[in-house]
PDB file of N, CA and C in Angstrom:
ATOM      1  N   MET A   1      -4.384 -12.088 -15.984  1.00  0.00           N
ATOM      2  CA  MET A   1      -5.322 -10.978 -15.966  1.00  0.00           C
ATOM      3  C   MET A   1      -5.657 -10.556 -14.532  1.00  0.00           C
ATOM      4  N   LYS A   2      -5.901 -11.539 -13.661  1.00  0.00           N
ATOM      5  CA  LYS A   2      -6.200 -11.215 -12.264  1.00  0.00           C
ATOM      6  C   LYS A   2      -5.033 -10.498 -11.598  1.00  0.00           C
ATOM      7  N   ALA A   3      -3.823 -10.942 -11.893  1.00  0.00           N
ATOM      8  CA  ALA A   3      -2.648 -10.332 -11.283  1.00  0.00           C
ATOM      9  C   ALA A   3      -2.501  -8.880 -11.720  1.00  0.00           C
ATOM     10  N   THR A   4      -2.751  -8.609 -12.984  1.00  0.00           N
ATOM     11  CA  THR A   4      -2.655  -7.234 -13.485  1.00  0.00           C
ATOM     12  C   THR A   4      -3.706  -6.353 -12.829  1.00  0.00           C
ATOM     13  N   ALA A   5      -4.932  -6.842 -12.772  1.00  0.00           N
ATOM     14  CA  ALA A   5      -6.013  -6.076 -12.142  1.00  0.00           C
ATOM     15  C   ALA A   5      -5.716  -5.840 -10.663  1.00  0.00           C
ATOM     16  N   ALA A   6      -5.225  -6.859  -9.979  1.00  0.00           N
ATOM     17  CA  ALA A   6      -4.912  -6.730  -8.557  1.00  0.00           C
ATOM     18  C   ALA A   6      -3.797  -5.718  -8.333  1.00  0.00           C
ATOM     19  N   SER A   7      -2.764  -5.766  -9.170  1.00  0.00           N
ATOM     20  CA  SER A   7      -1.650  -4.837  -8.993  1.00  0.00           C
ATOM     21  C   SER A   7      -2.085  -3.402  -9.277  1.00  0.00           C
ATOM     22  N   LEU A   8      -2.922  -3.208 -10.285  1.00  0.00           N
ATOM     23  CA  LEU A   8      -3.408  -1.860 -10.581  1.00  0.00           C
ATOM     24  C   LEU A   8      -4.303  -1.330  -9.467  1.00  0.00           C
ATOM     25  N   LEU A   9      -5.141  -2.201  -8.911  1.00  0.00           N
ATOM     26  CA  LEU A   9      -5.994  -1.775  -7.796  1.00  0.00           C
ATOM     27  C   LEU A   9      -5.140  -1.448  -6.574  1.00  0.00           C
ATOM     28  N   ASP A  10      -4.132  -2.248  -6.295  1.00  0.00           N
ATOM     29  CA  ASP A  10      -3.223  -1.950  -5.186  1.00  0.00           C
ATOM     30  C   ASP A  10      -2.546  -0.600  -5.388  1.00  0.00           C
ATOM     31  N   LEU A  11      -2.052  -0.353  -6.596  1.00  0.00           N
ATOM     32  CA  LEU A  11      -1.413   0.925  -6.905  1.00  0.00           C
ATOM     33  C   LEU A  11      -2.382   2.078  -6.684  1.00  0.00           C
ATOM     34  N   LEU A  12      -3.591   1.945  -7.191  1.00  0.00           N
ATOM     35  CA  LEU A  12      -4.605   2.986  -7.011  1.00  0.00           C
ATOM     36  C   LEU A  12      -4.875   3.233  -5.535  1.00  0.00           C
ATOM     37  N   LEU A  13      -4.982   2.170  -4.748  1.00  0.00           N
ATOM     38  CA  LEU A  13      -5.294   2.325  -3.330  1.00  0.00           C
ATOM     39  C   LEU A  13      -4.131   2.920  -2.542  1.00  0.00           C
ATOM     40  N   VAL A  14      -2.902   2.648  -2.931  1.00  0.00           N
ATOM     41  CA  VAL A  14      -1.762   3.306  -2.286  1.00  0.00           C
ATOM     42  C   VAL A  14      -1.795   4.803  -2.603  1.00  0.00           C
ATOM     43  N   LEU A  15      -2.159   5.144  -3.822  1.00  0.00           N
ATOM     44  CA  LEU A  15      -2.304   6.561  -4.181  1.00  0.00           C
ATOM     45  C   LEU A  15      -3.434   7.218  -3.396  1.00  0.00           C
ATOM     46  N   VAL A  16      -4.534   6.504  -3.198  1.00  0.00           N
ATOM     47  CA  VAL A  16      -5.645   7.019  -2.382  1.00  0.00           C
ATOM     48  C   VAL A  16      -5.165   7.243  -0.947  1.00  0.00           C
ATOM     49  N   PHE A  17      -4.427   6.283  -0.400  1.00  0.00           N
ATOM     50  CA  PHE A  17      -3.862   6.429   0.946  1.00  0.00           C
ATOM     51  C   PHE A  17      -3.025   7.695   1.042  1.00  0.00           C
ATOM     52  N   ALA A  18      -2.151   7.915   0.057  1.00  0.00           N
ATOM     53  CA  ALA A  18      -1.288   9.100   0.069  1.00  0.00           C
ATOM     54  C   ALA A  18      -2.119  10.380  -0.047  1.00  0.00           C
ATOM     55  N   ALA A  19      -3.111  10.370  -0.915  1.00  0.00           N
ATOM     56  CA  ALA A  19      -3.955  11.563  -1.097  1.00  0.00           C
ATOM     57  C   ALA A  19      -4.741  11.873   0.169  1.00  0.00           C
ATOM     58  N   LEU A  20      -5.283  10.842   0.813  1.00  0.00           N
ATOM     59  CA  LEU A  20      -6.028  11.055   2.062  1.00  0.00           C
ATOM     60  C   LEU A  20      -5.112  11.600   3.154  1.00  0.00           C
ATOM     61  N   GLY A  21      -3.910  11.075   3.233  1.00  0.00           N
ATOM     62  CA  GLY A  21      -2.957  11.565   4.230  1.00  0.00           C
ATOM     63  C   GLY A  21      -2.596  13.019   3.991  1.00  0.00           C
ATOM     64  N   ARG A  22      -2.354  13.361   2.747  1.00  0.00           N
ATOM     65  CA  ARG A  22      -2.018  14.753   2.428  1.00  0.00           C
ATOM     66  C   ARG A  22      -3.195  15.668   2.749  1.00  0.00           C
ATOM     67  N   ARG A  23      -4.386  15.209   2.424  1.00  0.00           N
ATOM     68  CA  ARG A  23      -5.581  16.026   2.684  1.00  0.00           C
ATOM     69  C   ARG A  23      -5.797  16.212   4.185  1.00  0.00           C
ATOM     70  N   SER A  24      -5.653  15.145   4.946  1.00  0.00           N
ATOM     71  CA  SER A  24      -5.909  15.237   6.382  1.00  0.00           C
ATOM     72  C   SER A  24      -4.875  16.103   7.096  1.00  0.00           C
ATOM     73  N   HIS A  25      -3.686  16.217   6.510  1.00  0.00           N
ATOM     74  CA  HIS A  25      -2.646  17.052   7.111  1.00  0.00           C
ATOM     75  C   HIS A  25      -2.499  18.396   6.409  1.00  0.00           C
ATOM     76  N   GLU A  26      -3.472  18.692   5.552  1.00  0.00           N
ATOM     77  CA  GLU A  26      -3.546  19.975   4.849  1.00  0.00           C
ATOM     78  C   GLU A  26      -2.268  20.294   4.075  1.00  0.00           C
ATOM     79  N   HIS A  27      -1.719  19.271   3.389  1.00  0.00           N
ATOM     80  CA  HIS A  27      -0.541  19.469   2.551  1.00  0.00           C
ATOM     81  C   HIS A  27      -0.907  19.740   1.102  1.00  0.00           C
ATOM     82  N   GLY A  28      -2.171  19.667   0.784  1.00  0.00           N
ATOM     83  CA  GLY A  28      -2.616  19.881  -0.589  1.00  0.00           C
ATOM     84  C   GLY A  28      -2.562  18.594  -1.392  1.00  0.00           C
ATOM     85  N   VAL A  29      -3.617  18.364  -2.135  1.00  0.00           N
ATOM     86  CA  VAL A  29      -3.708  17.146  -2.934  1.00  0.00           C
ATOM     87  C   VAL A  29      -3.423  17.502  -4.390  1.00  0.00           C
ATOM     88  N   THR A  30      -2.138  17.558  -4.716  1.00  0.00           N
ATOM     89  CA  THR A  30      -1.707  17.780  -6.089  1.00  0.00           C
ATOM     90  C   THR A  30      -1.091  16.480  -6.600  1.00  0.00           C
ATOM     91  N   LEU A  31      -1.023  16.343  -7.896  1.00  0.00           N
ATOM     92  CA  LEU A  31      -0.429  15.139  -8.472  1.00  0.00           C
ATOM     93  C   LEU A  31       1.012  14.959  -7.999  1.00  0.00           C
ATOM     94  N   ALA A  32       1.794  16.032  -8.031  1.00  0.00           N
ATOM     95  CA  ALA A  32       3.190  15.953  -7.589  1.00  0.00           C
ATOM     96  C   ALA A  32       3.279  15.629  -6.097  1.00  0.00           C
ATOM     97  N   GLY A  33       2.423  16.232  -5.304  1.00  0.00           N
ATOM     98  CA  GLY A  33       2.444  15.989  -3.867  1.00  0.00           C
ATOM     99  C   GLY A  33       2.061  14.558  -3.518  1.00  0.00           C
ATOM    100  N   VAL A  34       1.028  14.042  -4.178  1.00  0.00           N
ATOM    101  CA  VAL A  34       0.602  12.661  -3.937  1.00  0.00           C
ATOM    102  C   VAL A  34       1.717  11.700  -4.358  1.00  0.00           C
ATOM    103  N   ALA A  35       2.333  11.969  -5.499  1.00  0.00           N
ATOM    104  CA  ALA A  35       3.433  11.113  -5.956  1.00  0.00           C
ATOM    105  C   ALA A  35       4.596  11.133  -4.971  1.00  0.00           C
ATOM    106  N   GLU A  36       4.910  12.313  -4.455  1.00  0.00           N
ATOM    107  CA  GLU A  36       6.002  12.445  -3.490  1.00  0.00           C
ATOM    108  C   GLU A  36       5.723  11.648  -2.217  1.00  0.00           C
ATOM    109  N   THR A  37       4.478  11.672  -1.769  1.00  0.00           N
ATOM    110  CA  THR A  37       4.099  10.934  -0.566  1.00  0.00           C
ATOM    111  C   THR A  37       3.995   9.438  -0.840  1.00  0.00           C
ATOM    112  N   ALA A  38       3.511   9.076  -2.004  1.00  0.00           N
ATOM    113  CA  ALA A  38       3.197   7.674  -2.303  1.00  0.00           C
ATOM    114  C   ALA A  38       4.401   6.838  -2.711  1.00  0.00           C
ATOM    115  N   TRP A  39       5.427   7.446  -3.321  1.00  0.00           N
ATOM    116  CA  TRP A  39       6.477   6.623  -3.937  1.00  0.00           C
ATOM    117  C   TRP A  39       7.143   5.615  -2.996  1.00  0.00           C
ATOM    118  N   PRO A  40       7.417   5.962  -1.723  1.00  0.00           N
ATOM    119  CA  PRO A  40       8.050   4.932  -0.876  1.00  0.00           C
ATOM    120  C   PRO A  40       7.131   3.737  -0.639  1.00  0.00           C
ATOM    121  N   PHE A  41       5.835   4.010  -0.534  1.00  0.00           N
ATOM    122  CA  PHE A  41       4.866   2.935  -0.294  1.00  0.00           C
ATOM    123  C   PHE A  41       4.624   2.118  -1.558  1.00  0.00           C
ATOM    124  N   ILE A  42       4.696   2.773  -2.711  1.00  0.00           N
ATOM    125  CA  ILE A  42       4.587   2.047  -3.980  1.00  0.00           C
ATOM    126  C   ILE A  42       5.794   1.125  -4.146  1.00  0.00           C
ATOM    127  N   ALA A  43       6.975   1.640  -3.847  1.00  0.00           N
ATOM    128  CA  ALA A  43       8.181   0.804  -3.918  1.00  0.00           C
ATOM    129  C   ALA A  43       8.068  -0.373  -2.955  1.00  0.00           C
ATOM    130  N   GLY A  44       7.557  -0.110  -1.764  1.00  0.00           N
ATOM    131  CA  GLY A  44       7.383  -1.181  -0.788  1.00  0.00           C
ATOM    132  C   GLY A  44       6.339  -2.190  -1.215  1.00  0.00           C
ATOM    133  N   ALA A  45       5.235  -1.710  -1.774  1.00  0.00           N
ATOM    134  CA  ALA A  45       4.194  -2.620  -2.263  1.00  0.00           C
ATOM    135  C   ALA A  45       4.741  -3.489  -3.389  1.00  0.00           C
ATOM    136  N   ALA A  46       5.553  -2.896  -4.268  1.00  0.00           N
ATOM    137  CA  ALA A  46       6.176  -3.671  -5.350  1.00  0.00           C
ATOM    138  C   ALA A  46       7.089  -4.755  -4.773  1.00  0.00           C
ATOM    139  N   THR A  47       7.803  -4.424  -3.715  1.00  0.00           N
ATOM    140  CA  THR A  47       8.647  -5.415  -3.042  1.00  0.00           C
ATOM    141  C   THR A  47       7.780  -6.545  -2.487  1.00  0.00           C
ATOM    142  N   GLY A  48       6.664  -6.177  -1.870  1.00  0.00           N
ATOM    143  CA  GLY A  48       5.728  -7.176  -1.367  1.00  0.00           C
ATOM    144  C   GLY A  48       5.166  -8.047  -2.478  1.00  0.00           C
ATOM    145  N   TRP A  49       4.845  -7.429  -3.608  1.00  0.00           N
ATOM    146  CA  TRP A  49       4.357  -8.181  -4.767  1.00  0.00           C
ATOM    147  C   TRP A  49       5.397  -9.210  -5.210  1.00  0.00           C
ATOM    148  N   LEU A  50       6.642  -8.778  -5.294  1.00  0.00           N
ATOM    149  CA  LEU A  50       7.697  -9.712  -5.710  1.00  0.00           C
ATOM    150  C   LEU A  50       7.829 -10.875  -4.729  1.00  0.00           C
ATOM    151  N   LEU A  51       7.844 -10.557  -3.443  1.00  0.00           N
ATOM    152  CA  LEU A  51       7.978 -11.600  -2.430  1.00  0.00           C
ATOM    153  C   LEU A  51       6.779 -12.554  -2.463  1.00  0.00           C
ATOM    154  N   ALA A  52       5.579 -12.011  -2.542  1.00  0.00           N
ATOM    155  CA  ALA A  52       4.378 -12.857  -2.577  1.00  0.00           C
ATOM    156  C   ALA A  52       4.366 -13.731  -3.829  1.00  0.00           C
ATOM    157  N   GLY A  53       4.894 -13.207  -4.924  1.00  0.00           N
ATOM    158  CA  GLY A  53       4.986 -14.003  -6.144  1.00  0.00           C
ATOM    159  C   GLY A  53       5.995 -15.136  -6.016  1.00  0.00           C
ATOM    160  N   VAL A  54       7.120 -14.847  -5.363  1.00  0.00           N
ATOM    161  CA  VAL A  54       8.148 -15.870  -5.165  1.00  0.00           C
ATOM    162  C   VAL A  54       7.602 -17.017  -4.319  1.00  0.00           C
ATOM    163  N   ILE A  55       6.809 -16.692  -3.313  1.00  0.00           N
ATOM    164  CA  ILE A  55       6.252 -17.759  -2.474  1.00  0.00           C
ATOM    165  C   ILE A  55       4.929 -18.288  -3.024  1.00  0.00           C
ATOM    166  N   ARG A  56       4.588 -17.829  -4.232  1.00  0.00           N
ATOM    167  CA  ARG A  56       3.468 -18.354  -5.013  1.00  0.00           C
ATOM    168  C   ARG A  56       2.098 -18.228  -4.352  1.00  0.00           C
ATOM    169  N   LEU A  57       1.832 -17.054  -3.817  1.00  0.00           N
ATOM    170  CA  LEU A  57       0.513 -16.791  -3.284  1.00  0.00           C
ATOM    171  C   LEU A  57      -0.400 -16.302  -4.406  1.00  0.00           C
ATOM    172  N   GLU A  58      -1.669 -16.538  -4.290  1.00  0.00           N
ATOM    173  CA  GLU A  58      -2.666 -16.086  -5.258  1.00  0.00           C
ATOM    174  C   GLU A  58      -2.851 -14.575  -5.098  1.00  0.00           C
ATOM    175  N   PRO A  59      -2.671 -13.788  -6.185  1.00  0.00           N
ATOM    176  CA  PRO A  59      -2.737 -12.327  -6.077  1.00  0.00           C
ATOM    177  C   PRO A  59      -4.041 -11.771  -5.507  1.00  0.00           C
ATOM    178  N   MET A  60      -5.122 -12.506  -5.647  1.00  0.00           N
ATOM    179  CA  MET A  60      -6.404 -12.030  -5.138  1.00  0.00           C
ATOM    180  C   MET A  60      -6.654 -12.464  -3.694  1.00  0.00           C
ATOM    181  N   SER A  61      -5.701 -13.151  -3.079  1.00  0.00           N
ATOM    182  CA  SER A  61      -5.915 -13.687  -1.732  1.00  0.00           C
ATOM    183  C   SER A  61      -5.509 -12.706  -0.639  1.00  0.00           C
ATOM    184  N   ALA A  62      -6.125 -12.853   0.515  1.00  0.00           N
ATOM    185  CA  ALA A  62      -5.784 -12.026   1.670  1.00  0.00           C
ATOM    186  C   ALA A  62      -4.322 -12.214   2.094  1.00  0.00           C
ATOM    187  N   PRO A  63      -3.779 -13.450   2.091  1.00  0.00           N
ATOM    188  CA  PRO A  63      -2.362 -13.582   2.441  1.00  0.00           C
ATOM    189  C   PRO A  63      -1.444 -12.803   1.489  1.00  0.00           C
ATOM    190  N   PHE A  64      -1.759 -12.784   0.203  1.00  0.00           N
ATOM    191  CA  PHE A  64      -0.982 -11.990  -0.744  1.00  0.00           C
ATOM    192  C   PHE A  64      -1.060 -10.525  -0.339  1.00  0.00           C
ATOM    193  N   GLY A  65      -2.271 -10.051  -0.030  1.00  0.00           N
ATOM    194  CA  GLY A  65      -2.451  -8.662   0.403  1.00  0.00           C
ATOM    195  C   GLY A  65      -1.660  -8.350   1.656  1.00  0.00           C
ATOM    196  N   ALA A  66      -1.593  -9.300   2.584  1.00  0.00           N
ATOM    197  CA  ALA A  66      -0.843  -9.086   3.820  1.00  0.00           C
ATOM    198  C   ALA A  66       0.653  -8.917   3.535  1.00  0.00           C
ATOM    199  N   VAL A  67       1.173  -9.681   2.576  1.00  0.00           N
ATOM    200  CA  VAL A  67       2.587  -9.540   2.209  1.00  0.00           C
ATOM    201  C   VAL A  67       2.817  -8.190   1.535  1.00  0.00           C
ATOM    202  N   VAL A  68       1.869  -7.758   0.713  1.00  0.00           N
ATOM    203  CA  VAL A  68       1.983  -6.450   0.059  1.00  0.00           C
ATOM    204  C   VAL A  68       1.947  -5.334   1.102  1.00  0.00           C
ATOM    205  N   VAL A  69       1.069  -5.451   2.089  1.00  0.00           N
ATOM    206  CA  VAL A  69       1.007  -4.459   3.172  1.00  0.00           C
ATOM    207  C   VAL A  69       2.330  -4.426   3.925  1.00  0.00           C
ATOM    208  N   ALA A  70       2.842  -5.604   4.282  1.00  0.00           N
ATOM    209  CA  ALA A  70       4.123  -5.658   5.010  1.00  0.00           C
ATOM    210  C   ALA A  70       5.226  -4.979   4.209  1.00  0.00           C
ATOM    211  N   GLY A  71       5.294  -5.259   2.926  1.00  0.00           N
ATOM    212  CA  GLY A  71       6.294  -4.616   2.088  1.00  0.00           C
ATOM    213  C   GLY A  71       6.099  -3.116   2.023  1.00  0.00           C
ATOM    214  N   ALA A  72       4.844  -2.697   1.816  1.00  0.00           N
ATOM    215  CA  ALA A  72       4.556  -1.268   1.710  1.00  0.00           C
ATOM    216  C   ALA A  72       4.948  -0.533   2.986  1.00  0.00           C
ATOM    217  N   VAL A  73       4.629  -1.103   4.121  1.00  0.00           N
ATOM    218  CA  VAL A  73       4.912  -0.430   5.388  1.00  0.00           C
ATOM    219  C   VAL A  73       6.404  -0.495   5.731  1.00  0.00           C
ATOM    220  N   ILE A  74       6.992  -1.675   5.681  1.00  0.00           N
ATOM    221  CA  ILE A  74       8.388  -1.810   6.098  1.00  0.00           C
ATOM    222  C   ILE A  74       9.325  -1.070   5.143  1.00  0.00           C
ATOM    223  N   VAL A  75       9.230  -1.373   3.870  1.00  0.00           N
ATOM    224  CA  VAL A  75      10.110  -0.713   2.893  1.00  0.00           C
ATOM    225  C   VAL A  75       9.758   0.764   2.790  1.00  0.00           C
ATOM    226  N   GLY A  76       8.456   1.061   2.788  1.00  0.00           N
ATOM    227  CA  GLY A  76       8.029   2.460   2.704  1.00  0.00           C
ATOM    228  C   GLY A  76       8.579   3.299   3.840  1.00  0.00           C
ATOM    229  N   MET A  77       8.503   2.786   5.047  1.00  0.00           N
ATOM    230  CA  MET A  77       9.008   3.546   6.195  1.00  0.00           C
ATOM    231  C   MET A  77      10.533   3.640   6.181  1.00  0.00           C
ATOM    232  N   LEU A  78      11.196   2.576   5.759  1.00  0.00           N
ATOM    233  CA  LEU A  78      12.658   2.640   5.647  1.00  0.00           C
ATOM    234  C   LEU A  78      13.076   3.701   4.625  1.00  0.00           C
ATOM    235  N   LEU A  79      12.394   3.744   3.496  1.00  0.00           N
ATOM    236  CA  LEU A  79      12.706   4.754   2.486  1.00  0.00           C
ATOM    237  C   LEU A  79      12.406   6.163   2.993  1.00  0.00           C
ATOM    238  N   ARG A  80      11.313   6.317   3.719  1.00  0.00           N
ATOM    239  CA  ARG A  80      11.002   7.622   4.298  1.00  0.00           C
ATOM    240  C   ARG A  80      12.079   8.027   5.305  1.00  0.00           C
ATOM    241  N   GLN A  81      12.539   7.079   6.101  1.00  0.00           N
ATOM    242  CA  GLN A  81      13.586   7.360   7.100  1.00  0.00           C
ATOM    243  C   GLN A  81      14.875   7.811   6.409  1.00  0.00           C
ATOM    244  N   VAL A  82      15.248   7.093   5.366  1.00  0.00           N
ATOM    245  CA  VAL A  82      16.486   7.396   4.635  1.00  0.00           C
ATOM    246  C   VAL A  82      16.408   8.774   3.970  1.00  0.00           C
ATOM    247  N   THR A  83      15.230   9.155   3.530  1.00  0.00           N
ATOM    248  CA  THR A  83      15.075  10.438   2.826  1.00  0.00           C
ATOM    249  C   THR A  83      14.700  11.582   3.760  1.00  0.00           C
ATOM    250  N   GLY A  84      14.636  11.318   5.054  1.00  0.00           N
ATOM    251  CA  GLY A  84      14.359  12.379   6.022  1.00  0.00           C
ATOM    252  C   GLY A  84      12.886  12.714   6.189  1.00  0.00           C
ATOM    253  N   ALA A  85      12.005  11.874   5.665  1.00  0.00           N
ATOM    254  CA  ALA A  85      10.565  12.096   5.849  1.00  0.00           C
ATOM    255  C   ALA A  85      10.142  11.507   7.196  1.00  0.00           C
ATOM    256  N   GLY A  86       8.968  11.861   7.638  1.00  0.00           N
ATOM    257  CA  GLY A  86       8.499  11.441   8.952  1.00  0.00           C
ATOM    258  C   GLY A  86       8.197   9.959   9.066  1.00  0.00           C
ATOM    259  N   THR A  87       8.587   9.389  10.208  1.00  0.00           N
ATOM    260  CA  THR A  87       8.287   7.985  10.510  1.00  0.00           C
ATOM    261  C   THR A  87       7.893   7.827  11.981  1.00  0.00           C
ATOM    262  N   ALA A  88       7.142   8.777  12.490  1.00  0.00           N
ATOM    263  CA  ALA A  88       6.679   8.678  13.879  1.00  0.00           C
ATOM    264  C   ALA A  88       5.867   7.395  14.062  1.00  0.00           C
ATOM    265  N   TRP A  89       5.941   6.832  15.273  1.00  0.00           N
ATOM    266  CA  TRP A  89       5.231   5.576  15.540  1.00  0.00           C
ATOM    267  C   TRP A  89       3.740   5.694  15.260  1.00  0.00           C
ATOM    268  N   SER A  90       3.160   6.846  15.547  1.00  0.00           N
ATOM    269  CA  SER A  90       1.736   7.012  15.262  1.00  0.00           C
ATOM    270  C   SER A  90       1.468   6.910  13.762  1.00  0.00           C
ATOM    271  N   PHE A  91       2.377   7.442  12.949  1.00  0.00           N
ATOM    272  CA  PHE A  91       2.223   7.352  11.497  1.00  0.00           C
ATOM    273  C   PHE A  91       2.392   5.913  11.026  1.00  0.00           C
ATOM    274  N   VAL A  92       3.359   5.209  11.582  1.00  0.00           N
ATOM    275  CA  VAL A  92       3.558   3.804  11.223  1.00  0.00           C
ATOM    276  C   VAL A  92       2.293   3.010  11.535  1.00  0.00           C
ATOM    277  N   LEU A  93       1.702   3.246  12.690  1.00  0.00           N
ATOM    278  CA  LEU A  93       0.481   2.547  13.084  1.00  0.00           C
ATOM    279  C   LEU A  93      -0.673   2.875  12.148  1.00  0.00           C
ATOM    280  N   VAL A  94      -0.883   4.154  11.884  1.00  0.00           N
ATOM    281  CA  VAL A  94      -1.983   4.564  11.002  1.00  0.00           C
ATOM    282  C   VAL A  94      -1.769   4.012   9.598  1.00  0.00           C
ATOM    283  N   ALA A  95      -0.554   4.108   9.095  1.00  0.00           N
ATOM    284  CA  ALA A  95      -0.263   3.587   7.756  1.00  0.00           C
ATOM    285  C   ALA A  95      -0.526   2.088   7.686  1.00  0.00           C
ATOM    286  N   THR A  96      -0.120   1.364   8.716  1.00  0.00           N
ATOM    287  CA  THR A  96      -0.341  -0.078   8.743  1.00  0.00           C
ATOM    288  C   THR A  96      -1.829  -0.405   8.752  1.00  0.00           C
ATOM    289  N   LEU A  97      -2.580   0.294   9.584  1.00  0.00           N
ATOM    290  CA  LEU A  97      -4.018   0.031   9.668  1.00  0.00           C
ATOM    291  C   LEU A  97      -4.745   0.396   8.380  1.00  0.00           C
ATOM    292  N   VAL A  98      -4.446   1.568   7.834  1.00  0.00           N
ATOM    293  CA  VAL A  98      -5.144   2.012   6.618  1.00  0.00           C
ATOM    294  C   VAL A  98      -4.756   1.144   5.421  1.00  0.00           C
ATOM    295  N   LEU A  99      -3.470   0.889   5.238  1.00  0.00           N
ATOM    296  CA  LEU A  99      -3.055   0.043   4.115  1.00  0.00           C
ATOM    297  C   LEU A  99      -3.585  -1.381   4.261  1.00  0.00           C
ATOM    298  N   SER A 100      -3.670  -1.883   5.487  1.00  0.00           N
ATOM    299  CA  SER A 100      -4.264  -3.212   5.700  1.00  0.00           C
ATOM    300  C   SER A 100      -5.729  -3.215   5.297  1.00  0.00           C
ATOM    301  N   ALA A 101      -6.455  -2.207   5.743  1.00  0.00           N
ATOM    302  CA  ALA A 101      -7.877  -2.121   5.400  1.00  0.00           C
ATOM    303  C   ALA A 101      -8.065  -2.047   3.889  1.00  0.00           C
ATOM    304  N   LEU A 102      -7.220  -1.267   3.228  1.00  0.00           N
ATOM    305  CA  LEU A 102      -7.365  -1.097   1.786  1.00  0.00           C
ATOM    306  C   LEU A 102      -6.888  -2.315   0.995  1.00  0.00           C
ATOM    307  N   LEU A 103      -5.673  -2.771   1.256  1.00  0.00           N
ATOM    308  CA  LEU A 103      -5.057  -3.794   0.413  1.00  0.00           C
ATOM    309  C   LEU A 103      -5.483  -5.225   0.755  1.00  0.00           C
ATOM    310  N   ILE A 104      -5.859  -5.463   1.992  1.00  0.00           N
ATOM    311  CA  ILE A 104      -6.420  -6.766   2.355  1.00  0.00           C
ATOM    312  C   ILE A 104      -7.934  -6.704   2.241  1.00  0.00           C
ATOM    313  N   GLY A 105      -8.493  -5.557   2.602  1.00  0.00           N
ATOM    314  CA  GLY A 105      -9.946  -5.401   2.593  1.00  0.00           C
ATOM    315  C   GLY A 105     -10.585  -5.668   1.252  1.00  0.00           C
ATOM    316  N   TRP A 106     -10.026  -5.116   0.165  1.00  0.00           N
ATOM    317  CA  TRP A 106     -10.664  -5.340  -1.134  1.00  0.00           C
ATOM    318  C   TRP A 106     -10.599  -6.806  -1.522  1.00  0.00           C
ATOM    319  N   ARG A 107      -9.543  -7.488  -1.103  1.00  0.00           N
ATOM    320  CA  ARG A 107      -9.419  -8.917  -1.421  1.00  0.00           C
ATOM    321  C   ARG A 107     -10.462  -9.729  -0.661  1.00  0.00           C
ATOM    322  N   LEU A 108     -10.724  -9.368   0.589  1.00  0.00           N
ATOM    323  CA  LEU A 108     -11.745 -10.069   1.364  1.00  0.00           C
ATOM    324  C   LEU A 108     -13.129  -9.826   0.776  1.00  0.00           C
ATOM    325  N   ILE A 109     -13.383  -8.608   0.369  1.00  0.00           N
ATOM    326  CA  ILE A 109     -14.668  -8.274  -0.256  1.00  0.00           C
ATOM    327  C   ILE A 109     -14.813  -9.032  -1.573  1.00  0.00           C
ATOM    328  N   ALA A 110     -13.764  -9.059  -2.393  1.00  0.00           N
ATOM    329  CA  ALA A 110     -13.812  -9.758  -3.669  1.00  0.00           C
ATOM    330  C   ALA A 110     -14.046 -11.261  -3.462  1.00  0.00           C
ATOM    331  N   ALA A 111     -13.372 -11.836  -2.473  1.00  0.00           N
ATOM    332  CA  ALA A 111     -13.537 -13.274  -2.215  1.00  0.00           C
ATOM    333  C   ALA A 111     -14.968 -13.588  -1.807  1.00  0.00           C
ATOM    334  N   ARG A 112     -15.552 -12.685  -1.051  1.00  0.00           N
ATOM    335  CA  ARG A 112     -16.923 -12.906  -0.575  1.00  0.00           C
ATOM    336  C   ARG A 112     -17.947 -12.710  -1.677  1.00  0.00           C
ATOM    337  N   THR A 113     -17.739 -11.706  -2.523  1.00  0.00           N
ATOM    338  CA  THR A 113     -18.733 -11.389  -3.550  1.00  0.00           C
ATOM    339  C   THR A 113     -18.520 -12.166  -4.856  1.00  0.00           C
ATOM    340  N   LEU A 114     -17.279 -12.481  -5.166  1.00  0.00           N
ATOM    341  CA  LEU A 114     -16.995 -13.196  -6.424  1.00  0.00           C
ATOM    342  C   LEU A 114     -16.922 -14.702  -6.239  1.00  0.00           C
ATOM    343  N   GLY A 115     -16.896 -15.112  -4.986  1.00  0.00           N
ATOM    344  CA  GLY A 115     -16.951 -16.533  -4.686  1.00  0.00           C
ATOM    345  C   GLY A 115     -15.660 -17.192  -4.677  1.00  0.00           C
TER     346      GLY A 115
END
């Protein structure tokens, strides 16, 4: 149950990241647009989930979140590069910081409040 909730929250937060990015760059926040922006990061987060599961990390833990962030950023940027989307260093940095805050941050908050 925790793993399902964690994966759904991660998915939601990657979508929030994509929507915020589209909004800040005035690309319009439509369902299709958010999906287009989010899919490489969702694929990367899924890769991170698989890797974190193989090494048997607890889905609600910060280390699990760090592996998910690494997957989202590395795989996400590689997929963006392959498809001709932007991968400027400033974007890589911002994506890493925002996804870290979101995907590790909620786990730290949950650990502190849920005990």
